[in-house]
């Protein structure tokens, strides 16, 4: 039986924080719910950090201050000055740990490493000093180190298409997720997801190597692999036009689980799309959608799959039966 990864753990905590946010927003006066919430917070410092981030993202921090604990919100004042002093001493180590977690796992840390970023909902074309071209998809980040001896890049987040200028003396290598991709030809696409990375070759060949060094493979034009920390999948033939449809403002989903579709849509939306249960997340989706209308895609999915939704304006949408 596989043990949950750190990514799985963070994702589960993030989902739990969202659920607590919903419950408290709907009924903050339930004493038994408050007790359970406080117990959840005390179980792990990452719980408080995740809840604070959710509150910040949805701009509801002020509205919830009177309803939830200072631990969850990182409050700087309490009504009773004696209790305030005691609470500061009691929770100072926890607050420090939460601050470190938020910094290490927040977008700020990622953006500080990046040389180039693309905004949510828009792509960005880069012309590198070696003559190569990179197109960043929505909400993506790239670090570049090109000099007279080397060409090393890191796709820190999101998706990008690389068209490489030939230079045998300086291999063009892109680090992404738990491995790296080295150009043996012209063009390829990399998509960094949750716990796995997808590589599609649109022209010529590339070599894919895991950081662990335990597995490597060469891909031909029109082939795709998915790799994680443990392994690289067998190469499969794909439609490269569909794989790079995002460059034309389209998303093509062919027999994709709904959970994966929502994760992809989140990259194009200033907000968050979520789903309530794992069984629903496995329902398959087929369709072609516009990247500039993520809410319209949600509406189409809701109607076609006969689902319901709970919404916080146009920012936060939960799909459910």
C-alpha atoms as a PDB file:
ATOM      1  CA  UNK A   1       0.000   0.000   0.000  1.00  0.00           C
ATOM      2  CA  UNK A   2       1.455   3.371  -1.053  1.00  0.00           C
ATOM      3  CA  UNK A   3       2.054   5.929   1.650  1.00  0.00           C
ATOM      4  CA  UNK A   4       0.565   9.425   1.099  1.00  0.00           C
ATOM      5  CA  UNK A   5       3.092  11.900  -0.264  1.00  0.00           C
ATOM      6  CA  UNK A   6       3.740  15.344   1.221  1.00  0.00           C
ATOM      7  CA  UNK A   7       1.831  16.817  -1.711  1.00  0.00           C
ATOM      8  CA  UNK A   8      -1.149  14.575  -0.910  1.00  0.00           C
ATOM      9  CA  UNK A   9      -0.978  15.663   2.729  1.00  0.00           C
ATOM     10  CA  UNK A  10      -0.924  19.379   1.874  1.00  0.00           C
ATOM     11  CA  UNK A  11      -3.787  18.929  -0.576  1.00  0.00           C
ATOM     12  CA  UNK A  12      -5.908  17.110   2.021  1.00  0.00           C
ATOM     13  CA  UNK A  13      -5.240  19.834   4.602  1.00  0.00           C
ATOM     14  CA  UNK A  14      -6.122  22.522   2.071  1.00  0.00           C
ATOM     15  CA  UNK A  15      -9.413  20.761   1.235  1.00  0.00           C
ATOM     16  CA  UNK A  16     -10.237  20.377   4.927  1.00  0.00           C
ATOM     17  CA  UNK A  17      -9.569  24.075   5.517  1.00  0.00           C
ATOM     18  CA  UNK A  18     -11.999  24.973   2.738  1.00  0.00           C
ATOM     19  CA  UNK A  19     -14.681  22.759   4.273  1.00  0.00           C
ATOM     20  CA  UNK A  20     -14.185  24.380   7.689  1.00  0.00           C
ATOM     21  CA  UNK A  21     -14.400  27.807   6.083  1.00  0.00           C
ATOM     22  CA  UNK A  22     -17.761  26.859   4.555  1.00  0.00           C
ATOM     23  CA  UNK A  23     -19.131  25.451   7.812  1.00  0.00           C
ATOM     24  CA  UNK A  24     -18.128  28.473   9.875  1.00  0.00           C
ATOM     25  CA  UNK A  25     -19.440  30.884   7.313  1.00  0.00           C
ATOM     26  CA  UNK A  26     -22.791  29.075   7.250  1.00  0.00           C
ATOM     27  CA  UNK A  27     -23.199  28.609  11.015  1.00  0.00           C
ATOM     28  CA  UNK A  28     -20.561  30.030  13.316  1.00  0.00           C
ATOM     29  CA  UNK A  29     -22.817  29.877  16.421  1.00  0.00           C
ATOM     30  CA  UNK A  30     -22.836  26.079  16.645  1.00  0.00           C
ATOM     31  CA  UNK A  31     -20.838  25.379  19.831  1.00  0.00           C
ATOM     32  CA  UNK A  32     -20.168  21.726  18.995  1.00  0.00           C
ATOM     33  CA  UNK A  33     -18.884  22.764  15.583  1.00  0.00           C
ATOM     34  CA  UNK A  34     -16.629  25.375  17.176  1.00  0.00           C
ATOM     35  CA  UNK A  35     -15.228  22.756  19.548  1.00  0.00           C
ATOM     36  CA  UNK A  36     -14.511  20.376  16.679  1.00  0.00           C
ATOM     37  CA  UNK A  37     -12.895  23.197  14.711  1.00  0.00           C
ATOM     38  CA  UNK A  38     -10.622  24.133  17.612  1.00  0.00           C
ATOM     39  CA  UNK A  39      -9.616  20.483  17.966  1.00  0.00           C
ATOM     40  CA  UNK A  40      -8.788  20.295  14.250  1.00  0.00           C
ATOM     41  CA  UNK A  41      -6.625  23.403  14.522  1.00  0.00           C
ATOM     42  CA  UNK A  42      -4.700  22.016  17.492  1.00  0.00           C
ATOM     43  CA  UNK A  43      -3.877  18.753  15.716  1.00  0.00           C
ATOM     44  CA  UNK A  44      -1.283  20.247  13.366  1.00  0.00           C
ATOM     45  CA  UNK A  45       0.264  23.687  12.862  1.00  0.00           C
ATOM     46  CA  UNK A  46      -0.326  23.298   9.126  1.00  0.00           C
ATOM     47  CA  UNK A  47      -4.087  23.326   9.778  1.00  0.00           C
ATOM     48  CA  UNK A  48      -3.967  26.869  11.164  1.00  0.00           C
ATOM     49  CA  UNK A  49      -1.713  27.978   8.310  1.00  0.00           C
ATOM     50  CA  UNK A  50      -4.042  26.533   5.670  1.00  0.00           C
ATOM     51  CA  UNK A  51      -7.129  28.097   7.238  1.00  0.00           C
ATOM     52  CA  UNK A  52      -5.437  31.494   7.471  1.00  0.00           C
ATOM     53  CA  UNK A  53      -4.511  31.294   3.797  1.00  0.00           C
ATOM     54  CA  UNK A  54      -8.065  30.358   2.768  1.00  0.00           C
ATOM     55  CA  UNK A  55      -9.455  33.253   4.789  1.00  0.00           C
ATOM     56  CA  UNK A  56      -6.976  35.636   3.181  1.00  0.00           C
ATOM     57  CA  UNK A  57      -7.700  34.398  -0.333  1.00  0.00           C
ATOM     58  CA  UNK A  58     -11.420  34.923  -0.044  1.00  0.00           C
ATOM     59  CA  UNK A  59     -11.172  38.294   1.661  1.00  0.00           C
ATOM     60  CA  UNK A  60     -13.297  37.105   4.540  1.00  0.00           C
ATOM     61  CA  UNK A  61     -10.783  37.561   7.326  1.00  0.00           C
ATOM     62  CA  UNK A  62     -12.487  40.588   8.885  1.00  0.00           C
ATOM     63  CA  UNK A  63     -15.933  39.049   8.609  1.00  0.00           C
ATOM     64  CA  UNK A  64     -14.832  35.876  10.377  1.00  0.00           C
ATOM     65  CA  UNK A  65     -12.695  37.438  13.122  1.00  0.00           C
ATOM     66  CA  UNK A  66     -15.587  37.478  15.547  1.00  0.00           C
ATOM     67  CA  UNK A  67     -16.549  33.912  14.729  1.00  0.00           C
ATOM     68  CA  UNK A  68     -13.324  31.884  14.837  1.00  0.00           C
ATOM     69  CA  UNK A  69     -10.339  31.553  17.101  1.00  0.00           C
ATOM     70  CA  UNK A  70      -7.297  33.865  17.176  1.00  0.00           C
ATOM     71  CA  UNK A  71      -5.158  30.816  16.435  1.00  0.00           C
ATOM     72  CA  UNK A  72      -6.794  30.352  13.039  1.00  0.00           C
ATOM     73  CA  UNK A  73      -6.643  33.996  12.043  1.00  0.00           C
ATOM     74  CA  UNK A  74      -3.344  35.044  13.596  1.00  0.00           C
ATOM     75  CA  UNK A  75      -5.193  37.820  15.482  1.00  0.00           C
ATOM     76  CA  UNK A  76      -3.113  40.628  16.943  1.00  0.00           C
ATOM     77  CA  UNK A  77      -5.632  41.697  19.562  1.00  0.00           C
ATOM     78  CA  UNK A  78      -8.040  40.147  22.057  1.00  0.00           C
ATOM     79  CA  UNK A  79     -10.620  41.763  24.298  1.00  0.00           C
ATOM     80  CA  UNK A  80      -8.928  40.701  27.520  1.00  0.00           C
ATOM     81  CA  UNK A  81      -5.298  41.987  27.771  1.00  0.00           C
ATOM     82  CA  UNK A  82      -4.325  39.248  30.248  1.00  0.00           C
ATOM     83  CA  UNK A  83      -5.643  36.511  27.968  1.00  0.00           C
ATOM     84  CA  UNK A  84      -3.914  38.283  25.061  1.00  0.00           C
ATOM     85  CA  UNK A  85      -0.515  38.001  26.769  1.00  0.00           C
ATOM     86  CA  UNK A  86      -1.101  34.379  27.709  1.00  0.00           C
ATOM     87  CA  UNK A  87      -2.247  33.516  24.206  1.00  0.00           C
ATOM     88  CA  UNK A  88       0.766  35.185  22.621  1.00  0.00           C
ATOM     89  CA  UNK A  89       3.159  33.168  24.794  1.00  0.00           C
ATOM     90  CA  UNK A  90       1.195  29.960  24.290  1.00  0.00           C
ATOM     91  CA  UNK A  91       0.870  30.194  20.534  1.00  0.00           C
ATOM     92  CA  UNK A  92       4.095  32.015  19.600  1.00  0.00           C
ATOM     93  CA  UNK A  93       5.911  28.815  18.480  1.00  0.00           C
ATOM     94  CA  UNK A  94       2.826  27.713  16.562  1.00  0.00           C
ATOM     95  CA  UNK A  95       2.485  31.105  14.883  1.00  0.00           C
ATOM     96  CA  UNK A  96       6.144  31.003  13.868  1.00  0.00           C
ATOM     97  CA  UNK A  97       5.738  27.531  12.379  1.00  0.00           C
ATOM     98  CA  UNK A  98       2.607  28.619  10.531  1.00  0.00           C
ATOM     99  CA  UNK A  99       4.412  31.661   9.124  1.00  0.00           C
ATOM    100  CA  UNK A 100       7.261  29.471   7.857  1.00  0.00           C
ATOM    101  CA  UNK A 101       4.797  27.058   6.253  1.00  0.00           C
ATOM    102  CA  UNK A 102       2.903  29.854   4.568  1.00  0.00           C
ATOM    103  CA  UNK A 103       6.099  31.339   3.170  1.00  0.00           C
ATOM    104  CA  UNK A 104       7.566  28.065   1.923  1.00  0.00           C
ATOM    105  CA  UNK A 105       4.363  26.807   0.313  1.00  0.00           C
ATOM    106  CA  UNK A 106       2.876  30.101  -0.856  1.00  0.00           C
ATOM    107  CA  UNK A 107       3.128  31.568  -4.364  1.00  0.00           C
ATOM    108  CA  UNK A 108       5.444  34.269  -2.979  1.00  0.00           C
ATOM    109  CA  UNK A 109       8.268  31.776  -2.500  1.00  0.00           C
ATOM    110  CA  UNK A 110       7.770  30.474  -6.027  1.00  0.00           C
ATOM    111  CA  UNK A 111       7.648  33.919  -7.628  1.00  0.00           C
ATOM    112  CA  UNK A 112      10.852  34.931  -5.869  1.00  0.00           C
ATOM    113  CA  UNK A 113      12.640  32.097  -7.689  1.00  0.00           C
ATOM    114  CA  UNK A 114      11.165  32.906 -11.096  1.00  0.00           C
ATOM    115  CA  UNK A 115      12.648  35.074 -13.817  1.00  0.00           C
ATOM    116  CA  UNK A 116       9.427  35.128 -15.822  1.00  0.00           C
ATOM    117  CA  UNK A 117       5.768  34.743 -14.871  1.00  0.00           C
ATOM    118  CA  UNK A 118       2.465  34.775 -16.709  1.00  0.00           C
ATOM    119  CA  UNK A 119      -0.763  36.153 -15.207  1.00  0.00           C
ATOM    120  CA  UNK A 120      -3.875  34.098 -14.541  1.00  0.00           C
ATOM    121  CA  UNK A 121      -5.934  33.822 -17.716  1.00  0.00           C
ATOM    122  CA  UNK A 122      -3.211  34.919 -20.149  1.00  0.00           C
ATOM    123  CA  UNK A 123      -0.182  33.444 -21.909  1.00  0.00           C
ATOM    124  CA  UNK A 124       3.224  35.082 -22.400  1.00  0.00           C
ATOM    125  CA  UNK A 125       5.785  34.617 -25.179  1.00  0.00           C
ATOM    126  CA  UNK A 126       9.482  34.836 -24.284  1.00  0.00           C
ATOM    127  CA  UNK A 127      12.381  35.213 -26.709  1.00  0.00           C
ATOM    128  CA  UNK A 128      15.487  33.928 -24.923  1.00  0.00           C
ATOM    129  CA  UNK A 129      19.052  35.139 -25.457  1.00  0.00           C
ATOM    130  CA  UNK A 130      20.066  31.894 -27.234  1.00  0.00           C
ATOM    131  CA  UNK A 131      17.390  32.316 -29.886  1.00  0.00           C
ATOM    132  CA  UNK A 132      14.931  29.869 -28.333  1.00  0.00           C
ATOM    133  CA  UNK A 133      11.263  30.734 -27.774  1.00  0.00           C
ATOM    134  CA  UNK A 134       9.089  29.852 -24.775  1.00  0.00           C
ATOM    135  CA  UNK A 135       5.336  30.326 -24.516  1.00  0.00           C
ATOM    136  CA  UNK A 136       4.111  30.321 -20.918  1.00  0.00           C
ATOM    137  CA  UNK A 137       0.546  29.231 -20.312  1.00  0.00           C
ATOM    138  CA  UNK A 138      -1.714  30.887 -17.745  1.00  0.00           C
ATOM    139  CA  UNK A 139      -0.387  31.227 -14.164  1.00  0.00           C
ATOM    140  CA  UNK A 140       3.052  29.782 -14.941  1.00  0.00           C
ATOM    141  CA  UNK A 141       6.567  30.566 -13.701  1.00  0.00           C
ATOM    142  CA  UNK A 142       9.968  29.949 -15.286  1.00  0.00           C
ATOM    143  CA  UNK A 143      13.561  30.360 -14.091  1.00  0.00           C
ATOM    144  CA  UNK A 144      16.274  30.718 -16.776  1.00  0.00           C
ATOM    145  CA  UNK A 145      20.036  30.252 -16.608  1.00  0.00           C
ATOM    146  CA  UNK A 146      21.615  30.698 -20.029  1.00  0.00           C
ATOM    147  CA  UNK A 147      25.281  31.581 -20.432  1.00  0.00           C
ATOM    148  CA  UNK A 148      28.231  30.688 -22.663  1.00  0.00           C
ATOM    149  CA  UNK A 149      28.507  27.167 -21.184  1.00  0.00           C
ATOM    150  CA  UNK A 150      24.989  26.032 -20.329  1.00  0.00           C
ATOM    151  CA  UNK A 151      21.272  26.346 -20.943  1.00  0.00           C
ATOM    152  CA  UNK A 152      19.388  25.287 -17.819  1.00  0.00           C
ATOM    153  CA  UNK A 153      15.759  26.245 -17.199  1.00  0.00           C
ATOM    154  CA  UNK A 154      13.237  25.365 -14.483  1.00  0.00           C
ATOM    155  CA  UNK A 155       9.498  25.314 -15.049  1.00  0.00           C
ATOM    156  CA  UNK A 156       8.468  26.106 -11.478  1.00  0.00           C
ATOM    157  CA  UNK A 157       4.735  26.091 -12.053  1.00  0.00           C
ATOM    158  CA  UNK A 158       2.161  25.649 -14.773  1.00  0.00           C
ATOM    159  CA  UNK A 159       2.756  24.846 -18.415  1.00  0.00           C
ATOM    160  CA  UNK A 160       5.053  25.955 -21.231  1.00  0.00           C
ATOM    161  CA  UNK A 161       5.907  25.170 -24.827  1.00  0.00           C
ATOM    162  CA  UNK A 162       9.587  25.329 -25.808  1.00  0.00           C
ATOM    163  CA  UNK A 163      10.950  25.845 -29.323  1.00  0.00           C
ATOM    164  CA  UNK A 164      14.684  25.312 -29.036  1.00  0.00           C
ATOM    165  CA  UNK A 165      17.433  26.962 -31.056  1.00  0.00           C
ATOM    166  CA  UNK A 166      20.054  24.297 -31.989  1.00  0.00           C
ATOM    167  CA  UNK A 167      23.395  24.483 -30.166  1.00  0.00           C
ATOM    168  CA  UNK A 168      25.150  21.095 -29.728  1.00  0.00           C
ATOM    169  CA  UNK A 169      27.711  22.605 -27.367  1.00  0.00           C
ATOM    170  CA  UNK A 170      25.028  23.760 -24.917  1.00  0.00           C
ATOM    171  CA  UNK A 171      22.295  21.187 -24.264  1.00  0.00           C
ATOM    172  CA  UNK A 172      18.895  22.774 -23.607  1.00  0.00           C
ATOM    173  CA  UNK A 173      17.521  21.249 -20.401  1.00  0.00           C
ATOM    174  CA  UNK A 174      14.291  22.044 -18.546  1.00  0.00           C
ATOM    175  CA  UNK A 175      13.841  20.919 -14.947  1.00  0.00           C
ATOM    176  CA  UNK A 176      10.193  20.325 -14.085  1.00  0.00           C
ATOM    177  CA  UNK A 177       8.594  18.508 -11.182  1.00  0.00           C
ATOM    178  CA  UNK A 178      10.641  15.430 -10.257  1.00  0.00           C
ATOM    179  CA  UNK A 179      12.679  15.218 -13.439  1.00  0.00           C
ATOM    180  CA  UNK A 180      14.186  17.022 -16.408  1.00  0.00           C
ATOM    181  CA  UNK A 181      13.670  17.198 -20.158  1.00  0.00           C
ATOM    182  CA  UNK A 182      16.605  17.615 -22.564  1.00  0.00           C
ATOM    183  CA  UNK A 183      15.953  18.734 -26.125  1.00  0.00           C
ATOM    184  CA  UNK A 184      17.247  16.429 -28.851  1.00  0.00           C
ATOM    185  CA  UNK A 185      15.442  18.408 -31.520  1.00  0.00           C
ATOM    186  CA  UNK A 186      13.109  21.355 -31.754  1.00  0.00           C
ATOM    187  CA  UNK A 187       9.884  21.670 -29.765  1.00  0.00           C
ATOM    188  CA  UNK A 188       8.073  20.169 -26.781  1.00  0.00           C
ATOM    189  CA  UNK A 189       5.389  20.968 -24.212  1.00  0.00           C
ATOM    190  CA  UNK A 190       5.653  20.499 -20.412  1.00  0.00           C
ATOM    191  CA  UNK A 191       2.757  20.618 -17.967  1.00  0.00           C
ATOM    192  CA  UNK A 192       3.563  20.527 -14.244  1.00  0.00           C
ATOM    193  CA  UNK A 193       0.611  19.156 -12.263  1.00  0.00           C
ATOM    194  CA  UNK A 194      -0.041  17.986  -8.725  1.00  0.00           C
ATOM    195  CA  UNK A 195       2.527  15.284  -8.091  1.00  0.00           C
ATOM    196  CA  UNK A 196       3.157  14.536 -11.764  1.00  0.00           C
ATOM    197  CA  UNK A 197       4.548  16.150 -14.887  1.00  0.00           C
ATOM    198  CA  UNK A 198       3.418  15.638 -18.482  1.00  0.00           C
ATOM    199  CA  UNK A 199       5.768  15.963 -21.479  1.00  0.00           C
ATOM    200  CA  UNK A 200       4.584  16.060 -25.102  1.00  0.00           C
ATOM    201  CA  UNK A 201       6.948  16.276 -28.092  1.00  0.00           C
ATOM    202  CA  UNK A 202       5.651  18.386 -30.962  1.00  0.00           C
ATOM    203  CA  UNK A 203       8.818  18.264 -33.116  1.00  0.00           C
ATOM    204  CA  UNK A 204      11.797  15.852 -33.231  1.00  0.00           C
ATOM    205  CA  UNK A 205      12.879  14.237 -29.912  1.00  0.00           C
ATOM    206  CA  UNK A 206      13.587  14.789 -26.215  1.00  0.00           C
ATOM    207  CA  UNK A 207      15.152  12.769 -23.389  1.00  0.00           C
ATOM    208  CA  UNK A 208      13.335  12.557 -20.049  1.00  0.00           C
ATOM    209  CA  UNK A 209      15.250  11.743 -16.859  1.00  0.00           C
ATOM    210  CA  UNK A 210      13.959  11.417 -13.310  1.00  0.00           C
ATOM    211  CA  UNK A 211      15.856  13.338 -10.632  1.00  0.00           C
ATOM    212  CA  UNK A 212      16.404  10.026  -8.856  1.00  0.00           C
ATOM    213  CA  UNK A 213      18.212   8.739 -11.947  1.00  0.00           C
ATOM    214  CA  UNK A 214      16.317   5.460 -11.770  1.00  0.00           C
ATOM    215  CA  UNK A 215      14.527   5.887 -15.059  1.00  0.00           C
ATOM    216  CA  UNK A 216      15.002   7.624 -18.388  1.00  0.00           C
ATOM    217  CA  UNK A 217      13.359   7.519 -21.768  1.00  0.00           C
ATOM    218  CA  UNK A 218      13.542   9.139 -25.198  1.00  0.00           C
ATOM    219  CA  UNK A 219      10.366  10.528 -26.754  1.00  0.00           C
ATOM    220  CA  UNK A 220       9.628  10.934 -30.441  1.00  0.00           C
ATOM    221  CA  UNK A 221       7.460  13.535 -32.133  1.00  0.00           C
ATOM    222  CA  UNK A 222       3.786  12.953 -31.330  1.00  0.00           C
ATOM    223  CA  UNK A 223       4.499  11.044 -28.120  1.00  0.00           C
ATOM    224  CA  UNK A 224       3.743  11.858 -24.496  1.00  0.00           C
ATOM    225  CA  UNK A 225       4.807  10.547 -21.098  1.00  0.00           C
ATOM    226  CA  UNK A 226       3.764  11.348 -17.542  1.00  0.00           C
ATOM    227  CA  UNK A 227       6.317  11.074 -14.764  1.00  0.00           C
ATOM    228  CA  UNK A 228       6.357  11.362 -10.994  1.00  0.00           C
ATOM    229  CA  UNK A 229       9.030  10.865  -8.376  1.00  0.00           C
ATOM    230  CA  UNK A 230       8.787   7.081  -8.689  1.00  0.00           C
ATOM    231  CA  UNK A 231       8.404   6.315 -12.388  1.00  0.00           C
ATOM    232  CA  UNK A 232       7.881   7.361 -16.004  1.00  0.00           C
ATOM    233  CA  UNK A 233       4.825   6.058 -17.810  1.00  0.00           C
ATOM    234  CA  UNK A 234       5.148   4.234 -21.148  1.00  0.00           C
ATOM    235  CA  UNK A 235       5.147   6.593 -24.129  1.00  0.00           C
ATOM    236  CA  UNK A 236       1.777   7.020 -25.830  1.00  0.00           C
ATOM    237  CA  UNK A 237       0.822   8.568 -29.146  1.00  0.00           C
ATOM    238  CA  UNK A 238      -1.181  11.776 -28.799  1.00  0.00           C
ATOM    239  CA  UNK A 239      -2.711  14.537 -30.896  1.00  0.00           C
ATOM    240  CA  UNK A 240      -0.158  17.340 -30.536  1.00  0.00           C
ATOM    241  CA  UNK A 241      -2.693  19.899 -31.778  1.00  0.00           C
ATOM    242  CA  UNK A 242      -4.945  19.010 -28.864  1.00  0.00           C
ATOM    243  CA  UNK A 243      -2.044  19.019 -26.405  1.00  0.00           C
ATOM    244  CA  UNK A 244      -1.081  22.586 -27.406  1.00  0.00           C
ATOM    245  CA  UNK A 245      -4.615  23.888 -27.961  1.00  0.00           C
ATOM    246  CA  UNK A 246      -4.122  26.236 -25.001  1.00  0.00           C
ATOM    247  CA  UNK A 247      -1.917  28.368 -27.275  1.00  0.00           C
ATOM    248  CA  UNK A 248      -5.044  28.974 -29.365  1.00  0.00           C
ATOM    249  CA  UNK A 249      -7.198  29.748 -26.335  1.00  0.00           C
ATOM    250  CA  UNK A 250      -8.801  26.312 -26.140  1.00  0.00           C
ATOM    251  CA  UNK A 251      -8.844  23.442 -23.657  1.00  0.00           C
ATOM    252  CA  UNK A 252      -9.414  19.945 -25.057  1.00  0.00           C
ATOM    253  CA  UNK A 253     -10.564  17.263 -22.621  1.00  0.00           C
ATOM    254  CA  UNK A 254     -10.708  13.732 -23.945  1.00  0.00           C
ATOM    255  CA  UNK A 255     -12.090  11.221 -21.473  1.00  0.00           C
ATOM    256  CA  UNK A 256     -10.545  13.159 -18.561  1.00  0.00           C
ATOM    257  CA  UNK A 257     -11.734  12.757 -14.942  1.00  0.00           C
ATOM    258  CA  UNK A 258     -13.770  15.706 -13.712  1.00  0.00           C
ATOM    259  CA  UNK A 259     -11.329  16.271 -10.840  1.00  0.00           C
ATOM    260  CA  UNK A 260      -8.478  16.781 -13.312  1.00  0.00           C
ATOM    261  CA  UNK A 261     -10.633  19.068 -15.449  1.00  0.00           C
ATOM    262  CA  UNK A 262     -11.409  21.311 -12.468  1.00  0.00           C
ATOM    263  CA  UNK A 263      -7.735  21.395 -11.493  1.00  0.00           C
ATOM    264  CA  UNK A 264      -6.916  22.568 -15.013  1.00  0.00           C
ATOM    265  CA  UNK A 265      -9.673  25.194 -15.020  1.00  0.00           C
ATOM    266  CA  UNK A 266      -8.377  26.589 -11.734  1.00  0.00           C
ATOM    267  CA  UNK A 267      -5.248  27.732 -13.572  1.00  0.00           C
ATOM    268  CA  UNK A 268      -7.352  30.103 -15.698  1.00  0.00           C
ATOM    269  CA  UNK A 269      -9.581  31.494 -12.953  1.00  0.00           C
ATOM    270  CA  UNK A 270      -9.154  34.140 -10.243  1.00  0.00           C
ATOM    271  CA  UNK A 271     -10.778  31.941  -7.614  1.00  0.00           C
ATOM    272  CA  UNK A 272     -11.254  28.273  -6.872  1.00  0.00           C
ATOM    273  CA  UNK A 273     -13.319  25.440  -8.337  1.00  0.00           C
ATOM    274  CA  UNK A 274     -13.805  22.436  -6.078  1.00  0.00           C
ATOM    275  CA  UNK A 275     -15.674  19.133  -5.913  1.00  0.00           C
ATOM    276  CA  UNK A 276     -17.279  17.377  -2.980  1.00  0.00           C
ATOM    277  CA  UNK A 277     -16.476  13.684  -3.320  1.00  0.00           C
ATOM    278  CA  UNK A 278     -13.977  11.355  -4.948  1.00  0.00           C
ATOM    279  CA  UNK A 279     -16.587   9.371  -6.879  1.00  0.00           C
ATOM    280  CA  UNK A 280     -17.841  12.492  -8.602  1.00  0.00           C
ATOM    281  CA  UNK A 281     -14.263  13.526  -9.346  1.00  0.00           C
ATOM    282  CA  UNK A 282     -13.804  10.333 -11.394  1.00  0.00           C
ATOM    283  CA  UNK A 283     -16.665  11.016 -13.811  1.00  0.00           C
ATOM    284  CA  UNK A 284     -15.203  11.448 -17.292  1.00  0.00           C
ATOM    285  CA  UNK A 285     -15.480  14.598 -19.373  1.00  0.00           C
ATOM    286  CA  UNK A 286     -15.149  15.211 -23.105  1.00  0.00           C
ATOM    287  CA  UNK A 287     -15.257  18.603 -24.740  1.00  0.00           C
ATOM    288  CA  UNK A 288     -13.513  21.661 -26.146  1.00  0.00           C
ATOM    289  CA  UNK A 289     -13.756  24.842 -24.089  1.00  0.00           C
ATOM    290  CA  UNK A 290     -12.439  28.398 -24.213  1.00  0.00           C
ATOM    291  CA  UNK A 291      -9.712  29.317 -21.727  1.00  0.00           C
ATOM    292  CA  UNK A 292     -11.038  32.858 -21.291  1.00  0.00           C
ATOM    293  CA  UNK A 293     -14.431  31.693 -20.013  1.00  0.00           C
ATOM    294  CA  UNK A 294     -13.789  29.292 -17.093  1.00  0.00           C
ATOM    295  CA  UNK A 295     -17.133  30.075 -15.445  1.00  0.00           C
ATOM    296  CA  UNK A 296     -18.933  29.257 -18.690  1.00  0.00           C
ATOM    297  CA  UNK A 297     -17.115  25.912 -18.708  1.00  0.00           C
ATOM    298  CA  UNK A 298     -18.318  25.258 -15.148  1.00  0.00           C
ATOM    299  CA  UNK A 299     -21.879  26.067 -16.225  1.00  0.00           C
ATOM    300  CA  UNK A 300     -21.589  23.669 -19.162  1.00  0.00           C
ATOM    301  CA  UNK A 301     -20.187  20.888 -16.955  1.00  0.00           C
ATOM    302  CA  UNK A 302     -22.898  21.436 -14.372  1.00  0.00           C
ATOM    303  CA  UNK A 303     -25.640  21.185 -16.996  1.00  0.00           C
ATOM    304  CA  UNK A 304     -24.206  18.276 -18.962  1.00  0.00           C
ATOM    305  CA  UNK A 305     -23.410  16.176 -15.873  1.00  0.00           C
ATOM    306  CA  UNK A 306     -26.644  17.222 -14.118  1.00  0.00           C
ATOM    307  CA  UNK A 307     -24.829  18.578 -11.079  1.00  0.00           C
ATOM    308  CA  UNK A 308     -25.568  21.321  -8.577  1.00  0.00           C
ATOM    309  CA  UNK A 309     -23.251  24.067  -7.395  1.00  0.00           C
ATOM    310  CA  UNK A 310     -22.661  26.250  -4.368  1.00  0.00           C
ATOM    311  CA  UNK A 311     -21.097  29.592  -5.235  1.00  0.00           C
ATOM    312  CA  UNK A 312     -19.460  32.550  -3.562  1.00  0.00           C
ATOM    313  CA  UNK A 313     -20.000  35.108  -6.280  1.00  0.00           C
ATOM    314  CA  UNK A 314     -18.060  34.090  -9.352  1.00  0.00           C
ATOM    315  CA  UNK A 315     -14.904  33.300  -7.433  1.00  0.00           C
ATOM    316  CA  UNK A 316     -15.568  30.116  -5.524  1.00  0.00           C
ATOM    317  CA  UNK A 317     -17.674  27.288  -6.978  1.00  0.00           C
ATOM    318  CA  UNK A 318     -18.248  23.840  -5.440  1.00  0.00           C
ATOM    319  CA  UNK A 319     -19.823  21.204  -7.680  1.00  0.00           C
ATOM    320  CA  UNK A 320     -21.900  18.494  -6.018  1.00  0.00           C
ATOM    321  CA  UNK A 321     -24.727  16.060  -6.654  1.00  0.00           C
END
